[in-house]
Amino acid sequence: MAALDLLGRRWTLRVIWELHQHTAPIGFRDLQRRCDGMSSSVLSTRLAELREAGIAAPTADATWQLTALGLDLVAAMGPLLEWSRVWAERQK
């Protein structure tokens, strides 16, 4: 339930998605831009929560990346992504 609580918080999945879309770590401001207007305070909170959960981590140069556990999470969400594609097609 704790994992679902974390992932269900507003913007959490978006932050994970954006971190996953980049092969290199991404800076705070660039991440904020990619998250369509998320406030800096919410982004800071979400990154702190993801860090505490072991899903994301800052690098030595203050950029952010997914951890091995975070990459495992993205892989585990693969079937949900596929389901959502089918669902979206049926909504048209």
PDB file of N, CA and C in Angstrom:
ATOM      1  N   MET A   1       0.816  -1.190   0.000  1.00  0.00           N
ATOM      2  CA  MET A   1       0.000   0.000   0.000  1.00  0.00           C
ATOM      3  C   MET A   1       0.868   1.265   0.000  1.00  0.00           C
ATOM      4  N   ALA A   2       2.032   1.182   0.650  1.00  0.00           N
ATOM      5  CA  ALA A   2       2.905   2.355   0.697  1.00  0.00           C
ATOM      6  C   ALA A   2       3.378   2.742  -0.707  1.00  0.00           C
ATOM      7  N   ALA A   3       3.684   1.744  -1.531  1.00  0.00           N
ATOM      8  CA  ALA A   3       4.117   2.030  -2.900  1.00  0.00           C
ATOM      9  C   ALA A   3       2.989   2.680  -3.698  1.00  0.00           C
ATOM     10  N   LEU A   4       1.775   2.171  -3.550  1.00  0.00           N
ATOM     11  CA  LEU A   4       0.644   2.757  -4.263  1.00  0.00           C
ATOM     12  C   LEU A   4       0.355   4.172  -3.774  1.00  0.00           C
ATOM     13  N   ASP A   5       0.541   4.404  -2.486  1.00  0.00           N
ATOM     14  CA  ASP A   5       0.365   5.758  -1.955  1.00  0.00           C
ATOM     15  C   ASP A   5       1.370   6.713  -2.597  1.00  0.00           C
ATOM     16  N   LEU A   6       2.619   6.306  -2.655  1.00  0.00           N
ATOM     17  CA  LEU A   6       3.656   7.152  -3.259  1.00  0.00           C
ATOM     18  C   LEU A   6       3.364   7.401  -4.735  1.00  0.00           C
ATOM     19  N   LEU A   7       3.079   6.344  -5.470  1.00  0.00           N
ATOM     20  CA  LEU A   7       2.865   6.482  -6.911  1.00  0.00           C
ATOM     21  C   LEU A   7       1.576   7.220  -7.242  1.00  0.00           C
ATOM     22  N   GLY A   8       0.629   7.234  -6.326  1.00  0.00           N
ATOM     23  CA  GLY A   8      -0.631   7.912  -6.554  1.00  0.00           C
ATOM     24  C   GLY A   8      -0.602   9.408  -6.264  1.00  0.00           C
ATOM     25  N   ARG A   9       0.483   9.890  -5.718  1.00  0.00           N
ATOM     26  CA  ARG A   9       0.574  11.327  -5.439  1.00  0.00           C
ATOM     27  C   ARG A   9       0.717  12.103  -6.744  1.00  0.00           C
ATOM     28  N   ARG A  10       0.068  13.263  -6.761  1.00  0.00           N
ATOM     29  CA  ARG A  10       0.084  14.078  -7.975  1.00  0.00           C
ATOM     30  C   ARG A  10       1.518  14.353  -8.427  1.00  0.00           C
ATOM     31  N   TRP A  11       1.760  14.161  -9.708  1.00  0.00           N
ATOM     32  CA  TRP A  11       3.024  14.415 -10.390  1.00  0.00           C
ATOM     33  C   TRP A  11       4.074  13.327 -10.208  1.00  0.00           C
ATOM     34  N   THR A  12       3.901  12.393  -9.295  1.00  0.00           N
ATOM     35  CA  THR A  12       4.951  11.397  -9.046  1.00  0.00           C
ATOM     36  C   THR A  12       5.254  10.578 -10.289  1.00  0.00           C
ATOM     37  N   LEU A  13       4.216  10.033 -10.921  1.00  0.00           N
ATOM     38  CA  LEU A  13       4.456   9.223 -12.117  1.00  0.00           C
ATOM     39  C   LEU A  13       5.041  10.059 -13.249  1.00  0.00           C
ATOM     40  N   ARG A  14       4.645  11.318 -13.340  1.00  0.00           N
ATOM     41  CA  ARG A  14       5.205  12.185 -14.380  1.00  0.00           C
ATOM     42  C   ARG A  14       6.701  12.399 -14.168  1.00  0.00           C
ATOM     43  N   VAL A  15       7.106  12.615 -12.921  1.00  0.00           N
ATOM     44  CA  VAL A  15       8.532  12.799 -12.630  1.00  0.00           C
ATOM     45  C   VAL A  15       9.299  11.534 -12.995  1.00  0.00           C
ATOM     46  N   ILE A  16       8.776  10.381 -12.613  1.00  0.00           N
ATOM     47  CA  ILE A  16       9.430   9.113 -12.959  1.00  0.00           C
ATOM     48  C   ILE A  16       9.519   8.964 -14.469  1.00  0.00           C
ATOM     49  N   TRP A  17       8.429   9.279 -15.170  1.00  0.00           N
ATOM     50  CA  TRP A  17       8.404   9.181 -16.630  1.00  0.00           C
ATOM     51  C   TRP A  17       9.474  10.073 -17.258  1.00  0.00           C
ATOM     52  N   GLU A  18       9.554  11.313 -16.821  1.00  0.00           N
ATOM     53  CA  GLU A  18      10.530  12.243 -17.394  1.00  0.00           C
ATOM     54  C   GLU A  18      11.959  11.805 -17.087  1.00  0.00           C
ATOM     55  N   LEU A  19      12.200  11.319 -15.888  1.00  0.00           N
ATOM     56  CA  LEU A  19      13.544  10.822 -15.567  1.00  0.00           C
ATOM     57  C   LEU A  19      13.896   9.620 -16.439  1.00  0.00           C
ATOM     58  N   HIS A  20      12.903   8.805 -16.733  1.00  0.00           N
ATOM     59  CA  HIS A  20      13.144   7.614 -17.545  1.00  0.00           C
ATOM     60  C   HIS A  20      13.386   7.956 -19.013  1.00  0.00           C
ATOM     61  N   GLN A  21      12.824   9.044 -19.486  1.00  0.00           N
ATOM     62  CA  GLN A  21      12.942   9.418 -20.893  1.00  0.00           C
ATOM     63  C   GLN A  21      14.347   9.879 -21.286  1.00  0.00           C
ATOM     64  N   HIS A  22      15.199  10.118 -20.322  1.00  0.00           N
ATOM     65  CA  HIS A  22      16.534  10.642 -20.602  1.00  0.00           C
ATOM     66  C   HIS A  22      17.591   9.605 -20.245  1.00  0.00           C
ATOM     67  N   THR A  23      18.530   9.420 -21.159  1.00  0.00           N
ATOM     68  CA  THR A  23      19.607   8.477 -20.886  1.00  0.00           C
ATOM     69  C   THR A  23      20.623   9.066 -19.915  1.00  0.00           C
ATOM     70  N   ALA A  24      20.667  10.384 -19.844  1.00  0.00           N
ATOM     71  CA  ALA A  24      21.586  11.058 -18.926  1.00  0.00           C
ATOM     72  C   ALA A  24      20.774  11.690 -17.799  1.00  0.00           C
ATOM     73  N   PRO A  25      21.391  11.918 -16.656  1.00  0.00           N
ATOM     74  CA  PRO A  25      20.696  12.618 -15.567  1.00  0.00           C
ATOM     75  C   PRO A  25      20.191  13.986 -16.037  1.00  0.00           C
ATOM     76  N   ILE A  26      19.160  14.485 -15.389  1.00  0.00           N
ATOM     77  CA  ILE A  26      18.514  15.728 -15.797  1.00  0.00           C
ATOM     78  C   ILE A  26      18.495  16.707 -14.622  1.00  0.00           C
ATOM     79  N   GLY A  27      18.720  17.971 -14.918  1.00  0.00           N
ATOM     80  CA  GLY A  27      18.734  18.999 -13.888  1.00  0.00           C
ATOM     81  C   GLY A  27      17.333  19.373 -13.421  1.00  0.00           C
ATOM     82  N   PHE A  28      17.270  19.982 -12.256  1.00  0.00           N
ATOM     83  CA  PHE A  28      16.000  20.347 -11.632  1.00  0.00           C
ATOM     84  C   PHE A  28      15.160  21.233 -12.538  1.00  0.00           C
ATOM     85  N   ARG A  29      15.727  22.312 -13.058  1.00  0.00           N
ATOM     86  CA  ARG A  29      14.959  23.263 -13.871  1.00  0.00           C
ATOM     87  C   ARG A  29      14.485  22.635 -15.178  1.00  0.00           C
ATOM     88  N   ASP A  30      15.329  21.824 -15.793  1.00  0.00           N
ATOM     89  CA  ASP A  30      14.933  21.145 -17.022  1.00  0.00           C
ATOM     90  C   ASP A  30      13.796  20.159 -16.722  1.00  0.00           C
ATOM     91  N   LEU A  31      13.905  19.455 -15.626  1.00  0.00           N
ATOM     92  CA  LEU A  31      12.852  18.527 -15.222  1.00  0.00           C
ATOM     93  C   LEU A  31      11.553  19.287 -14.960  1.00  0.00           C
ATOM     94  N   GLN A  32      11.642  20.421 -14.309  1.00  0.00           N
ATOM     95  CA  GLN A  32      10.454  21.224 -14.035  1.00  0.00           C
ATOM     96  C   GLN A  32       9.796  21.691 -15.339  1.00  0.00           C
ATOM     97  N   ARG A  33      10.578  22.114 -16.302  1.00  0.00           N
ATOM     98  CA  ARG A  33      10.036  22.536 -17.601  1.00  0.00           C
ATOM     99  C   ARG A  33       9.317  21.386 -18.290  1.00  0.00           C
ATOM    100  N   ARG A  34       9.891  20.226 -18.204  1.00  0.00           N
ATOM    101  CA  ARG A  34       9.303  19.061 -18.867  1.00  0.00           C
ATOM    102  C   ARG A  34       8.023  18.587 -18.181  1.00  0.00           C
ATOM    103  N   CYS A  35       7.806  19.020 -16.971  1.00  0.00           N
ATOM    104  CA  CYS A  35       6.610  18.630 -16.216  1.00  0.00           C
ATOM    105  C   CYS A  35       5.510  19.678 -16.307  1.00  0.00           C
ATOM    106  N   ASP A  36       5.497  20.449 -17.359  1.00  0.00           N
ATOM    107  CA  ASP A  36       4.382  21.348 -17.672  1.00  0.00           C
ATOM    108  C   ASP A  36       3.877  22.198 -16.518  1.00  0.00           C
ATOM    109  N   GLY A  37       4.733  22.978 -15.953  1.00  0.00           N
ATOM    110  CA  GLY A  37       4.265  23.941 -14.974  1.00  0.00           C
ATOM    111  C   GLY A  37       4.166  23.473 -13.539  1.00  0.00           C
ATOM    112  N   MET A  38       4.736  22.353 -13.218  1.00  0.00           N
ATOM    113  CA  MET A  38       4.750  21.922 -11.827  1.00  0.00           C
ATOM    114  C   MET A  38       5.531  22.951 -11.018  1.00  0.00           C
ATOM    115  N   SER A  39       5.032  23.296  -9.852  1.00  0.00           N
ATOM    116  CA  SER A  39       5.746  24.275  -9.033  1.00  0.00           C
ATOM    117  C   SER A  39       7.054  23.680  -8.521  1.00  0.00           C
ATOM    118  N   SER A  40       8.003  24.547  -8.248  1.00  0.00           N
ATOM    119  CA  SER A  40       9.302  24.078  -7.762  1.00  0.00           C
ATOM    120  C   SER A  40       9.168  23.414  -6.392  1.00  0.00           C
ATOM    121  N   SER A  41       8.242  23.881  -5.576  1.00  0.00           N
ATOM    122  CA  SER A  41       8.076  23.269  -4.248  1.00  0.00           C
ATOM    123  C   SER A  41       7.515  21.853  -4.363  1.00  0.00           C
ATOM    124  N   VAL A  42       6.570  21.644  -5.278  1.00  0.00           N
ATOM    125  CA  VAL A  42       6.028  20.291  -5.468  1.00  0.00           C
ATOM    126  C   VAL A  42       7.101  19.378  -6.047  1.00  0.00           C
ATOM    127  N   LEU A  43       7.853  19.865  -7.016  1.00  0.00           N
ATOM    128  CA  LEU A  43       8.922  19.042  -7.591  1.00  0.00           C
ATOM    129  C   LEU A  43       9.944  18.684  -6.527  1.00  0.00           C
ATOM    130  N   SER A  44      10.333  19.633  -5.712  1.00  0.00           N
ATOM    131  CA  SER A  44      11.287  19.351  -4.629  1.00  0.00           C
ATOM    132  C   SER A  44      10.753  18.269  -3.695  1.00  0.00           C
ATOM    133  N   THR A  45       9.475  18.375  -3.365  1.00  0.00           N
ATOM    134  CA  THR A  45       8.859  17.384  -2.488  1.00  0.00           C
ATOM    135  C   THR A  45       8.833  16.015  -3.134  1.00  0.00           C
ATOM    136  N   ARG A  46       8.423  15.954  -4.394  1.00  0.00           N
ATOM    137  CA  ARG A  46       8.353  14.657  -5.079  1.00  0.00           C
ATOM    138  C   ARG A  46       9.740  14.032  -5.215  1.00  0.00           C
ATOM    139  N   LEU A  47      10.732  14.832  -5.556  1.00  0.00           N
ATOM    140  CA  LEU A  47      12.084  14.289  -5.669  1.00  0.00           C
ATOM    141  C   LEU A  47      12.586  13.787  -4.319  1.00  0.00           C
ATOM    142  N   ALA A  48      12.289  14.506  -3.264  1.00  0.00           N
ATOM    143  CA  ALA A  48      12.689  14.052  -1.919  1.00  0.00           C
ATOM    144  C   ALA A  48      12.009  12.733  -1.575  1.00  0.00           C
ATOM    145  N   GLU A  49      10.723  12.604  -1.918  1.00  0.00           N
ATOM    146  CA  GLU A  49      10.002  11.358  -1.652  1.00  0.00           C
ATOM    147  C   GLU A  49      10.561  10.205  -2.468  1.00  0.00           C
ATOM    148  N   LEU A  50      10.864  10.467  -3.737  1.00  0.00           N
ATOM    149  CA  LEU A  50      11.425   9.418  -4.591  1.00  0.00           C
ATOM    150  C   LEU A  50      12.829   9.031  -4.132  1.00  0.00           C
ATOM    151  N   ARG A  51      13.566  10.006  -3.639  1.00  0.00           N
ATOM    152  CA  ARG A  51      14.902   9.718  -3.105  1.00  0.00           C
ATOM    153  C   ARG A  51      14.794   8.846  -1.857  1.00  0.00           C
ATOM    154  N   GLU A  52      13.899   9.222  -0.959  1.00  0.00           N
ATOM    155  CA  GLU A  52      13.701   8.464   0.272  1.00  0.00           C
ATOM    156  C   GLU A  52      13.253   7.030  -0.025  1.00  0.00           C
ATOM    157  N   ALA A  53      12.467   6.855  -1.084  1.00  0.00           N
ATOM    158  CA  ALA A  53      11.975   5.530  -1.469  1.00  0.00           C
ATOM    159  C   ALA A  53      13.015   4.724  -2.243  1.00  0.00           C
ATOM    160  N   GLY A  54      14.136   5.372  -2.610  1.00  0.00           N
ATOM    161  CA  GLY A  54      15.182   4.666  -3.353  1.00  0.00           C
ATOM    162  C   GLY A  54      14.909   4.562  -4.840  1.00  0.00           C
ATOM    163  N   ILE A  55      13.986   5.369  -5.352  1.00  0.00           N
ATOM    164  CA  ILE A  55      13.598   5.301  -6.765  1.00  0.00           C
ATOM    165  C   ILE A  55      14.399   6.269  -7.623  1.00  0.00           C
ATOM    166  N   ALA A  56      14.747   7.423  -7.084  1.00  0.00           N
ATOM    167  CA  ALA A  56      15.546   8.422  -7.796  1.00  0.00           C
ATOM    168  C   ALA A  56      16.654   8.908  -6.876  1.00  0.00           C
ATOM    169  N   ALA A  57      17.699   9.421  -7.488  1.00  0.00           N
ATOM    170  CA  ALA A  57      18.831   9.904  -6.687  1.00  0.00           C
ATOM    171  C   ALA A  57      19.511  11.063  -7.401  1.00  0.00           C
ATOM    172  N   PRO A  58      20.019  12.005  -6.612  1.00  0.00           N
ATOM    173  CA  PRO A  58      20.794  13.085  -7.222  1.00  0.00           C
ATOM    174  C   PRO A  58      22.202  12.588  -7.536  1.00  0.00           C
ATOM    175  N   THR A  59      22.804  13.191  -8.527  1.00  0.00           N
ATOM    176  CA  THR A  59      24.184  12.855  -8.866  1.00  0.00           C
ATOM    177  C   THR A  59      25.111  13.877  -8.206  1.00  0.00           C
ATOM    178  N   ALA A  60      26.381  13.674  -8.362  1.00  0.00           N
ATOM    179  CA  ALA A  60      27.361  14.591  -7.774  1.00  0.00           C
ATOM    180  C   ALA A  60      27.237  16.004  -8.332  1.00  0.00           C
ATOM    181  N   ASP A  61      26.751  16.132  -9.566  1.00  0.00           N
ATOM    182  CA  ASP A  61      26.617  17.469 -10.160  1.00  0.00           C
ATOM    183  C   ASP A  61      25.191  18.026 -10.037  1.00  0.00           C
ATOM    184  N   ALA A  62      24.432  17.533  -9.068  1.00  0.00           N
ATOM    185  CA  ALA A  62      23.097  18.044  -8.721  1.00  0.00           C
ATOM    186  C   ALA A  62      22.047  17.816  -9.801  1.00  0.00           C
ATOM    187  N   THR A  63      22.242  16.815 -10.635  1.00  0.00           N
ATOM    188  CA  THR A  63      21.192  16.405 -11.561  1.00  0.00           C
ATOM    189  C   THR A  63      20.517  15.173 -10.952  1.00  0.00           C
ATOM    190  N   TRP A  64      19.450  14.709 -11.587  1.00  0.00           N
ATOM    191  CA  TRP A  64      18.673  13.594 -11.048  1.00  0.00           C
ATOM    192  C   TRP A  64      18.592  12.457 -12.041  1.00  0.00           C
ATOM    193  N   GLN A  65      18.518  11.242 -11.496  1.00  0.00           N
ATOM    194  CA  GLN A  65      18.364  10.059 -12.334  1.00  0.00           C
ATOM    195  C   GLN A  65      17.629   8.979 -11.550  1.00  0.00           C
ATOM    196  N   LEU A  66      17.078   8.020 -12.280  1.00  0.00           N
ATOM    197  CA  LEU A  66      16.458   6.880 -11.627  1.00  0.00           C
ATOM    198  C   LEU A  66      17.546   5.956 -11.105  1.00  0.00           C
ATOM    199  N   THR A  67      17.274   5.316 -10.009  1.00  0.00           N
ATOM    200  CA  THR A  67      18.172   4.306  -9.469  1.00  0.00           C
ATOM    201  C   THR A  67      17.856   2.975 -10.155  1.00  0.00           C
ATOM    202  N   ALA A  68      18.601   1.936  -9.818  1.00  0.00           N
ATOM    203  CA  ALA A  68      18.301   0.603 -10.348  1.00  0.00           C
ATOM    204  C   ALA A  68      16.886   0.190  -9.941  1.00  0.00           C
ATOM    205  N   LEU A  69      16.496   0.506  -8.716  1.00  0.00           N
ATOM    206  CA  LEU A  69      15.144   0.201  -8.253  1.00  0.00           C
ATOM    207  C   LEU A  69      14.106   0.990  -9.055  1.00  0.00           C
ATOM    208  N   GLY A  70      14.415   2.230  -9.378  1.00  0.00           N
ATOM    209  CA  GLY A  70      13.521   3.041 -10.197  1.00  0.00           C
ATOM    210  C   GLY A  70      13.364   2.476 -11.601  1.00  0.00           C
ATOM    211  N   LEU A  71      14.456   2.000 -12.172  1.00  0.00           N
ATOM    212  CA  LEU A  71      14.388   1.377 -13.495  1.00  0.00           C
ATOM    213  C   LEU A  71      13.580   0.087 -13.439  1.00  0.00           C
ATOM    214  N   ASP A  72      13.704  -0.664 -12.342  1.00  0.00           N
ATOM    215  CA  ASP A  72      12.885  -1.863 -12.155  1.00  0.00           C
ATOM    216  C   ASP A  72      11.407  -1.505 -12.083  1.00  0.00           C
ATOM    217  N   LEU A  73      11.099  -0.396 -11.422  1.00  0.00           N
ATOM    218  CA  LEU A  73       9.719   0.062 -11.328  1.00  0.00           C
ATOM    219  C   LEU A  73       9.168   0.372 -12.712  1.00  0.00           C
ATOM    220  N   VAL A  74       9.929   1.077 -13.521  1.00  0.00           N
ATOM    221  CA  VAL A  74       9.487   1.407 -14.878  1.00  0.00           C
ATOM    222  C   VAL A  74       9.232   0.123 -15.674  1.00  0.00           C
ATOM    223  N   ALA A  75      10.120  -0.851 -15.539  1.00  0.00           N
ATOM    224  CA  ALA A  75       9.928  -2.127 -16.242  1.00  0.00           C
ATOM    225  C   ALA A  75       8.662  -2.835 -15.752  1.00  0.00           C
ATOM    226  N   ALA A  76       8.423  -2.769 -14.450  1.00  0.00           N
ATOM    227  CA  ALA A  76       7.235  -3.414 -13.884  1.00  0.00           C
ATOM    228  C   ALA A  76       5.952  -2.742 -14.361  1.00  0.00           C
ATOM    229  N   MET A  77       6.027  -1.469 -14.692  1.00  0.00           N
ATOM    230  CA  MET A  77       4.851  -0.742 -15.161  1.00  0.00           C
ATOM    231  C   MET A  77       4.604  -0.948 -16.655  1.00  0.00           C
ATOM    232  N   GLY A  78       5.479  -1.681 -17.337  1.00  0.00           N
ATOM    233  CA  GLY A  78       5.334  -1.937 -18.769  1.00  0.00           C
ATOM    234  C   GLY A  78       3.976  -2.494 -19.159  1.00  0.00           C
ATOM    235  N   PRO A  79       3.472  -3.532 -18.472  1.00  0.00           N
ATOM    236  CA  PRO A  79       2.145  -4.047 -18.831  1.00  0.00           C
ATOM    237  C   PRO A  79       1.035  -3.007 -18.652  1.00  0.00           C
ATOM    238  N   LEU A  80       1.141  -2.155 -17.661  1.00  0.00           N
ATOM    239  CA  LEU A  80       0.155  -1.095 -17.473  1.00  0.00           C
ATOM    240  C   LEU A  80       0.212  -0.098 -18.627  1.00  0.00           C
ATOM    241  N   LEU A  81       1.405   0.213 -19.104  1.00  0.00           N
ATOM    242  CA  LEU A  81       1.555   1.107 -20.243  1.00  0.00           C
ATOM    243  C   LEU A  81       0.898   0.500 -21.482  1.00  0.00           C
ATOM    244  N   GLU A  82       1.114  -0.780 -21.694  1.00  0.00           N
ATOM    245  CA  GLU A  82       0.502  -1.445 -22.839  1.00  0.00           C
ATOM    246  C   GLU A  82      -1.020  -1.439 -22.709  1.00  0.00           C
ATOM    247  N   TRP A  83      -1.530  -1.736 -21.524  1.00  0.00           N
ATOM    248  CA  TRP A  83      -2.965  -1.699 -21.292  1.00  0.00           C
ATOM    249  C   TRP A  83      -3.511  -0.305 -21.584  1.00  0.00           C
ATOM    250  N   SER A  84      -2.799   0.727 -21.154  1.00  0.00           N
ATOM    251  CA  SER A  84      -3.292   2.091 -21.354  1.00  0.00           C
ATOM    252  C   SER A  84      -3.341   2.454 -22.832  1.00  0.00           C
ATOM    253  N   ARG A  85      -2.437   1.905 -23.623  1.00  0.00           N
ATOM    254  CA  ARG A  85      -2.480   2.163 -25.076  1.00  0.00           C
ATOM    255  C   ARG A  85      -3.745   1.560 -25.683  1.00  0.00           C
ATOM    256  N   VAL A  86      -4.059   0.320 -25.291  1.00  0.00           N
ATOM    257  CA  VAL A  86      -5.270  -0.338 -25.775  1.00  0.00           C
ATOM    258  C   VAL A  86      -6.501   0.440 -25.321  1.00  0.00           C
ATOM    259  N   TRP A  87      -6.530   0.832 -24.078  1.00  0.00           N
ATOM    260  CA  TRP A  87      -7.646   1.594 -23.527  1.00  0.00           C
ATOM    261  C   TRP A  87      -7.835   2.909 -24.283  1.00  0.00           C
ATOM    262  N   ALA A  88      -6.740   3.612 -24.536  1.00  0.00           N
ATOM    263  CA  ALA A  88      -6.821   4.895 -25.243  1.00  0.00           C
ATOM    264  C   ALA A  88      -7.396   4.710 -26.648  1.00  0.00           C
ATOM    265  N   GLU A  89      -7.005   3.651 -27.321  1.00  0.00           N
ATOM    266  CA  GLU A  89      -7.537   3.381 -28.660  1.00  0.00           C
ATOM    267  C   GLU A  89      -9.038   3.137 -28.620  1.00  0.00           C
ATOM    268  N   ARG A  90      -9.490   2.454 -27.597  1.00  0.00           N
ATOM    269  CA  ARG A  90     -10.915   2.147 -27.471  1.00  0.00           C
ATOM    270  C   ARG A  90     -11.735   3.369 -27.103  1.00  0.00           C
ATOM    271  N   GLN A  91     -11.093   4.386 -26.584  1.00  0.00           N
ATOM    272  CA  GLN A  91     -11.811   5.607 -26.199  1.00  0.00           C
ATOM    273  C   GLN A  91     -12.092   6.504 -27.389  1.00  0.00           C
ATOM    274  N   LYS A  92     -11.446   6.253 -28.500  1.00  0.00           N
ATOM    275  CA  LYS A  92     -11.615   7.110 -29.689  1.00  0.00           C
ATOM    276  C   LYS A  92     -12.946   6.883 -30.357  1.00  0.00           C
TER     277      LYS A  92
END
